[in-house]
N, C-alpha and C. Protein backbone atom coordinates (compact mmCIF):
# COMPACT_ATOMS: atom_id res chain seq x y z
N UNK A 1 61.51 17.10 -30.98
CA UNK A 1 61.26 16.35 -29.76
C UNK A 1 62.52 15.69 -29.21
N UNK A 2 63.54 15.58 -30.04
CA UNK A 2 64.79 14.99 -29.60
C UNK A 2 65.41 15.78 -28.45
N UNK A 3 65.07 17.07 -28.35
CA UNK A 3 65.61 17.89 -27.27
C UNK A 3 65.15 17.38 -25.92
N UNK A 4 63.93 16.83 -25.84
CA UNK A 4 63.44 16.26 -24.59
C UNK A 4 64.28 15.04 -24.21
N UNK A 5 64.59 14.21 -25.18
CA UNK A 5 65.42 13.03 -24.94
C UNK A 5 66.82 13.46 -24.50
N UNK A 6 67.38 14.46 -25.16
CA UNK A 6 68.71 14.95 -24.80
C UNK A 6 68.71 15.51 -23.38
N UNK A 7 67.65 16.19 -23.01
CA UNK A 7 67.53 16.73 -21.66
C UNK A 7 67.49 15.61 -20.62
N UNK A 8 66.75 14.55 -20.91
CA UNK A 8 66.70 13.41 -19.99
C UNK A 8 68.08 12.76 -19.85
N UNK A 9 68.78 12.62 -20.95
CA UNK A 9 70.12 12.03 -20.90
C UNK A 9 71.07 12.91 -20.10
N UNK A 10 70.85 14.20 -20.14
CA UNK A 10 71.66 15.13 -19.36
C UNK A 10 71.53 14.91 -17.86
N UNK A 11 70.41 14.40 -17.42
CA UNK A 11 70.22 14.11 -15.99
C UNK A 11 71.21 13.04 -15.51
N UNK A 12 71.51 12.10 -16.38
CA UNK A 12 72.49 11.07 -16.03
C UNK A 12 73.90 11.65 -16.05
N UNK A 13 74.17 12.51 -17.02
CA UNK A 13 75.49 13.12 -17.13
C UNK A 13 75.77 14.07 -15.98
N UNK A 14 74.75 14.44 -15.22
CA UNK A 14 74.96 15.30 -14.05
C UNK A 14 75.79 14.58 -12.98
N UNK A 15 75.80 13.26 -13.02
CA UNK A 15 76.66 12.50 -12.10
C UNK A 15 78.10 12.63 -12.59
N UNK A 16 79.00 12.89 -11.68
CA UNK A 16 80.41 13.11 -12.05
C UNK A 16 81.02 11.95 -12.80
N UNK A 17 80.65 10.74 -12.47
CA UNK A 17 81.28 9.57 -13.07
C UNK A 17 80.75 9.21 -14.45
N UNK A 18 79.60 9.73 -14.83
CA UNK A 18 78.99 9.34 -16.10
C UNK A 18 79.67 10.05 -17.27
N UNK A 19 80.25 9.24 -18.14
CA UNK A 19 80.95 9.75 -19.31
C UNK A 19 80.06 9.77 -20.55
N UNK A 20 79.08 8.90 -20.59
CA UNK A 20 78.21 8.78 -21.75
C UNK A 20 76.84 8.29 -21.32
N UNK A 21 75.80 8.95 -21.80
CA UNK A 21 74.43 8.48 -21.65
C UNK A 21 73.82 8.58 -23.05
N UNK A 22 73.25 7.47 -23.52
CA UNK A 22 72.76 7.45 -24.91
C UNK A 22 71.56 6.54 -25.06
N UNK A 23 70.79 6.83 -26.09
CA UNK A 23 69.75 5.91 -26.56
C UNK A 23 70.23 5.44 -27.92
N UNK A 24 70.26 4.12 -28.06
CA UNK A 24 70.88 3.49 -29.22
C UNK A 24 69.90 2.50 -29.85
N UNK A 25 69.83 2.49 -31.16
CA UNK A 25 69.01 1.48 -31.85
C UNK A 25 69.64 0.11 -31.63
N UNK A 26 68.83 -0.93 -31.71
CA UNK A 26 69.33 -2.29 -31.46
C UNK A 26 70.45 -2.67 -32.41
N UNK A 27 70.52 -2.03 -33.58
CA UNK A 27 71.59 -2.32 -34.53
C UNK A 27 72.86 -1.52 -34.26
N UNK A 28 72.87 -0.72 -33.18
CA UNK A 28 74.05 0.02 -32.79
C UNK A 28 74.12 1.45 -33.29
N UNK A 29 73.14 1.88 -34.05
CA UNK A 29 73.13 3.26 -34.54
C UNK A 29 72.64 4.22 -33.45
N UNK A 30 73.33 5.32 -33.33
CA UNK A 30 73.01 6.31 -32.31
C UNK A 30 71.70 7.02 -32.62
N UNK A 31 70.84 7.12 -31.60
CA UNK A 31 69.61 7.91 -31.71
C UNK A 31 69.83 9.27 -31.07
N UNK A 32 70.35 9.28 -29.84
CA UNK A 32 70.65 10.54 -29.14
C UNK A 32 71.65 10.24 -28.04
N UNK A 33 72.51 11.21 -27.74
CA UNK A 33 73.52 10.99 -26.70
C UNK A 33 74.01 12.32 -26.14
N UNK A 34 74.57 12.22 -24.96
CA UNK A 34 75.35 13.30 -24.38
C UNK A 34 76.56 12.64 -23.75
N UNK A 35 77.74 13.23 -23.99
CA UNK A 35 78.98 12.60 -23.54
C UNK A 35 80.04 13.63 -23.22
N UNK A 36 81.02 13.19 -22.44
CA UNK A 36 82.19 14.01 -22.20
C UNK A 36 82.97 14.17 -23.49
N UNK A 37 83.66 15.28 -23.64
CA UNK A 37 84.51 15.45 -24.83
C UNK A 37 85.52 14.32 -24.94
N UNK A 38 85.75 13.88 -26.16
CA UNK A 38 86.72 12.83 -26.41
C UNK A 38 86.17 11.43 -26.41
N UNK A 39 84.91 11.26 -26.01
CA UNK A 39 84.29 9.94 -26.01
C UNK A 39 83.84 9.61 -27.43
N UNK A 40 84.26 8.46 -27.94
CA UNK A 40 83.89 8.03 -29.29
C UNK A 40 82.50 7.39 -29.24
N UNK A 41 81.50 8.23 -29.30
CA UNK A 41 80.11 7.80 -29.10
C UNK A 41 79.70 6.72 -30.10
N UNK A 42 79.95 6.96 -31.38
CA UNK A 42 79.50 6.01 -32.41
C UNK A 42 80.13 4.64 -32.24
N UNK A 43 81.42 4.59 -31.95
CA UNK A 43 82.10 3.30 -31.78
C UNK A 43 81.57 2.55 -30.57
N UNK A 44 81.37 3.26 -29.47
CA UNK A 44 80.87 2.62 -28.25
C UNK A 44 79.46 2.09 -28.47
N UNK A 45 78.61 2.87 -29.11
CA UNK A 45 77.24 2.44 -29.36
C UNK A 45 77.20 1.19 -30.23
N UNK A 46 78.04 1.15 -31.25
CA UNK A 46 78.08 -0.01 -32.15
C UNK A 46 78.48 -1.27 -31.40
N UNK A 47 79.48 -1.19 -30.56
CA UNK A 47 79.94 -2.37 -29.81
C UNK A 47 78.95 -2.74 -28.71
N UNK A 48 78.35 -1.74 -28.07
CA UNK A 48 77.42 -1.99 -26.98
C UNK A 48 76.21 -2.80 -27.44
N UNK A 49 75.77 -2.57 -28.65
CA UNK A 49 74.62 -3.34 -29.15
C UNK A 49 74.95 -4.83 -29.18
N UNK A 50 76.20 -5.18 -29.42
CA UNK A 50 76.61 -6.59 -29.37
C UNK A 50 76.55 -7.13 -27.95
N UNK A 51 76.88 -6.28 -26.97
CA UNK A 51 76.80 -6.70 -25.57
C UNK A 51 75.39 -7.05 -25.16
N UNK A 52 74.43 -6.25 -25.59
CA UNK A 52 73.04 -6.54 -25.27
C UNK A 52 72.57 -7.79 -26.00
N UNK A 53 72.98 -7.94 -27.25
CA UNK A 53 72.61 -9.15 -28.01
C UNK A 53 73.13 -10.40 -27.33
N UNK A 54 74.36 -10.34 -26.80
CA UNK A 54 74.94 -11.48 -26.08
C UNK A 54 74.12 -11.80 -24.83
N UNK A 55 73.75 -10.78 -24.08
CA UNK A 55 72.96 -10.99 -22.86
C UNK A 55 71.61 -11.60 -23.19
N UNK A 56 70.98 -11.15 -24.27
CA UNK A 56 69.69 -11.69 -24.67
C UNK A 56 69.82 -13.15 -25.11
N UNK A 57 70.89 -13.47 -25.84
CA UNK A 57 71.11 -14.85 -26.28
C UNK A 57 71.33 -15.76 -25.07
N UNK A 58 72.09 -15.29 -24.10
CA UNK A 58 72.32 -16.08 -22.89
C UNK A 58 71.01 -16.30 -22.14
N UNK A 59 70.20 -15.28 -22.02
CA UNK A 59 68.91 -15.40 -21.34
C UNK A 59 68.01 -16.44 -21.99
N UNK A 60 68.01 -16.47 -23.33
CA UNK A 60 67.21 -17.47 -24.03
C UNK A 60 67.78 -18.87 -23.80
N UNK A 61 69.10 -18.99 -23.86
CA UNK A 61 69.74 -20.30 -23.72
C UNK A 61 69.50 -20.90 -22.34
N UNK A 62 69.49 -20.09 -21.31
CA UNK A 62 69.30 -20.60 -19.95
C UNK A 62 67.85 -20.46 -19.50
N UNK A 63 66.98 -20.08 -20.43
CA UNK A 63 65.54 -20.01 -20.18
C UNK A 63 65.18 -19.08 -19.01
N UNK A 64 65.76 -17.88 -19.04
CA UNK A 64 65.50 -16.89 -17.98
C UNK A 64 64.66 -15.71 -18.46
N UNK A 65 64.25 -15.75 -19.72
CA UNK A 65 63.40 -14.68 -20.24
C UNK A 65 64.19 -13.54 -20.85
N UNK A 66 63.48 -12.44 -21.07
CA UNK A 66 64.08 -11.27 -21.72
C UNK A 66 65.06 -10.55 -20.80
N UNK A 67 66.02 -9.92 -21.40
CA UNK A 67 66.99 -9.11 -20.65
C UNK A 67 66.29 -7.87 -20.10
N UNK A 68 66.47 -7.63 -18.82
CA UNK A 68 65.93 -6.44 -18.18
C UNK A 68 66.98 -5.34 -18.12
N UNK A 69 68.21 -5.76 -17.81
CA UNK A 69 69.32 -4.83 -17.72
C UNK A 69 70.61 -5.64 -17.72
N UNK A 70 71.62 -5.12 -18.38
CA UNK A 70 72.92 -5.76 -18.40
C UNK A 70 73.92 -4.78 -17.82
N UNK A 71 74.69 -5.24 -16.86
CA UNK A 71 75.69 -4.40 -16.21
C UNK A 71 77.05 -5.06 -16.38
N UNK A 72 77.96 -4.34 -17.00
CA UNK A 72 79.31 -4.82 -17.19
C UNK A 72 80.23 -3.97 -16.32
N UNK A 73 80.90 -4.61 -15.37
CA UNK A 73 81.79 -3.89 -14.47
C UNK A 73 83.23 -4.17 -14.85
N UNK A 74 84.01 -3.10 -14.90
CA UNK A 74 85.41 -3.17 -15.26
C UNK A 74 86.24 -2.55 -14.15
N UNK A 75 87.54 -2.73 -14.20
CA UNK A 75 88.42 -2.15 -13.19
C UNK A 75 88.26 -0.63 -13.11
N UNK A 76 88.03 -0.01 -14.24
CA UNK A 76 87.97 1.44 -14.26
C UNK A 76 86.60 1.98 -14.65
N UNK A 77 85.55 1.26 -14.30
CA UNK A 77 84.22 1.79 -14.57
C UNK A 77 83.21 0.73 -14.89
N UNK A 78 82.12 1.16 -15.50
CA UNK A 78 81.03 0.25 -15.81
C UNK A 78 80.28 0.70 -17.05
N UNK A 79 79.56 -0.25 -17.62
CA UNK A 79 78.66 0.01 -18.73
C UNK A 79 77.33 -0.63 -18.37
N UNK A 80 76.26 0.13 -18.49
CA UNK A 80 74.92 -0.36 -18.22
C UNK A 80 74.14 -0.30 -19.53
N UNK A 81 73.48 -1.41 -19.85
CA UNK A 81 72.66 -1.51 -21.06
C UNK A 81 71.26 -1.94 -20.63
N UNK A 82 70.26 -1.22 -21.10
CA UNK A 82 68.89 -1.59 -20.75
C UNK A 82 67.97 -1.38 -21.95
N UNK A 83 67.31 -2.46 -22.40
CA UNK A 83 66.33 -2.28 -23.47
C UNK A 83 65.21 -1.35 -23.00
N UNK A 84 64.85 -0.38 -23.86
CA UNK A 84 63.72 0.50 -23.50
C UNK A 84 62.58 0.38 -24.50
N UNK A 85 62.79 -0.36 -25.55
CA UNK A 85 61.74 -0.70 -26.51
C UNK A 85 62.23 -1.90 -27.30
N UNK A 86 61.40 -2.37 -28.23
CA UNK A 86 61.83 -3.48 -29.07
C UNK A 86 62.96 -3.07 -30.00
N UNK A 87 63.11 -1.77 -30.22
CA UNK A 87 64.07 -1.28 -31.20
C UNK A 87 65.22 -0.47 -30.63
N UNK A 88 65.22 -0.20 -29.31
CA UNK A 88 66.23 0.70 -28.75
C UNK A 88 66.63 0.30 -27.34
N UNK A 89 67.80 0.78 -26.96
CA UNK A 89 68.30 0.52 -25.61
C UNK A 89 68.90 1.81 -25.03
N UNK A 90 68.96 1.84 -23.72
CA UNK A 90 69.64 2.91 -23.00
C UNK A 90 71.05 2.41 -22.71
N UNK A 91 72.03 3.26 -22.92
CA UNK A 91 73.43 2.94 -22.69
C UNK A 91 74.04 4.00 -21.79
N UNK A 92 74.71 3.55 -20.74
CA UNK A 92 75.39 4.46 -19.84
C UNK A 92 76.79 3.93 -19.60
N UNK A 93 77.78 4.81 -19.68
CA UNK A 93 79.15 4.44 -19.40
C UNK A 93 79.67 5.38 -18.31
N UNK A 94 80.27 4.79 -17.28
CA UNK A 94 80.81 5.57 -16.17
C UNK A 94 82.26 5.18 -15.92
N UNK A 95 83.02 6.10 -15.35
CA UNK A 95 84.44 5.85 -15.12
C UNK A 95 84.74 5.30 -13.72
N UNK A 96 83.72 5.00 -12.97
CA UNK A 96 83.89 4.39 -11.65
C UNK A 96 82.66 3.56 -11.33
N UNK A 97 82.80 2.64 -10.40
CA UNK A 97 81.66 1.82 -9.97
C UNK A 97 81.02 2.37 -8.71
N UNK A 98 81.58 3.44 -8.17
CA UNK A 98 81.15 3.96 -6.87
C UNK A 98 79.73 4.50 -6.86
N UNK A 99 79.23 4.97 -7.99
CA UNK A 99 77.88 5.53 -8.05
C UNK A 99 76.88 4.56 -8.66
N UNK A 100 77.19 3.27 -8.63
CA UNK A 100 76.33 2.26 -9.24
C UNK A 100 74.90 2.32 -8.71
N UNK A 101 74.74 2.41 -7.42
CA UNK A 101 73.40 2.47 -6.83
C UNK A 101 72.61 3.67 -7.32
N UNK A 102 73.26 4.80 -7.38
CA UNK A 102 72.59 6.01 -7.84
C UNK A 102 72.26 5.92 -9.33
N UNK A 103 73.17 5.34 -10.11
CA UNK A 103 72.93 5.16 -11.54
C UNK A 103 71.70 4.28 -11.75
N UNK A 104 71.65 3.15 -11.06
CA UNK A 104 70.52 2.23 -11.24
C UNK A 104 69.21 2.86 -10.77
N UNK A 105 69.28 3.66 -9.73
CA UNK A 105 68.09 4.37 -9.24
C UNK A 105 67.60 5.36 -10.30
N UNK A 106 68.52 6.13 -10.88
CA UNK A 106 68.13 7.09 -11.92
C UNK A 106 67.52 6.39 -13.13
N UNK A 107 68.09 5.27 -13.51
CA UNK A 107 67.53 4.51 -14.64
C UNK A 107 66.10 4.09 -14.31
N UNK A 108 65.89 3.59 -13.11
CA UNK A 108 64.56 3.12 -12.72
C UNK A 108 63.53 4.26 -12.73
N UNK A 109 63.90 5.42 -12.21
CA UNK A 109 62.90 6.49 -12.13
C UNK A 109 62.69 7.21 -13.47
N UNK A 110 63.67 7.15 -14.37
CA UNK A 110 63.54 7.84 -15.65
C UNK A 110 63.23 6.92 -16.83
N UNK A 111 63.11 5.64 -16.58
CA UNK A 111 62.87 4.69 -17.68
C UNK A 111 61.62 5.05 -18.48
N UNK A 112 60.53 5.27 -17.80
CA UNK A 112 59.27 5.61 -18.46
C UNK A 112 59.41 6.90 -19.26
N UNK A 113 60.09 7.89 -18.71
CA UNK A 113 60.31 9.16 -19.42
C UNK A 113 61.14 8.94 -20.67
N UNK A 114 62.17 8.09 -20.58
CA UNK A 114 63.00 7.78 -21.76
C UNK A 114 62.16 7.14 -22.86
N UNK A 115 61.31 6.21 -22.47
CA UNK A 115 60.44 5.54 -23.45
C UNK A 115 59.52 6.55 -24.12
N UNK A 116 58.91 7.42 -23.32
CA UNK A 116 58.00 8.43 -23.87
C UNK A 116 58.73 9.40 -24.80
N UNK A 117 59.91 9.83 -24.42
CA UNK A 117 60.67 10.75 -25.26
C UNK A 117 61.11 10.07 -26.56
N UNK A 118 61.46 8.80 -26.47
CA UNK A 118 61.84 8.05 -27.68
C UNK A 118 60.64 7.91 -28.61
N UNK A 119 59.50 7.58 -28.06
CA UNK A 119 58.29 7.43 -28.87
C UNK A 119 57.83 8.73 -29.52
N UNK A 120 58.21 9.86 -28.93
CA UNK A 120 57.82 11.17 -29.46
C UNK A 120 58.66 11.61 -30.66
N UNK A 121 59.75 10.91 -30.91
CA UNK A 121 60.62 11.29 -32.04
C UNK A 121 60.01 10.86 -33.35
């Protein structure tokens, strides 16, 4: 069933700017990913889980509720983190911010499919 998850992640990689699309356990372990050659998937997933943990801690501290999505913008791209279950998150890394709207749209329309594919594993 992991092939269905990999296929869904491939939809994000169809965007030119997307370097990595992954589903990651909350502890940073990779569940499934598709990436450009040369991307250190395991290292990025491990560090990204800390980014989501930080966002969740901030949300609790300022009494804003659970994290819905975390977007980190950098000079040369962006990282999007979105919890998709109690145990996993969606991670996307892009090399530009120009397709941010399209990225967020794709996440919104495929979120339910990602959850279903994850649950089928």
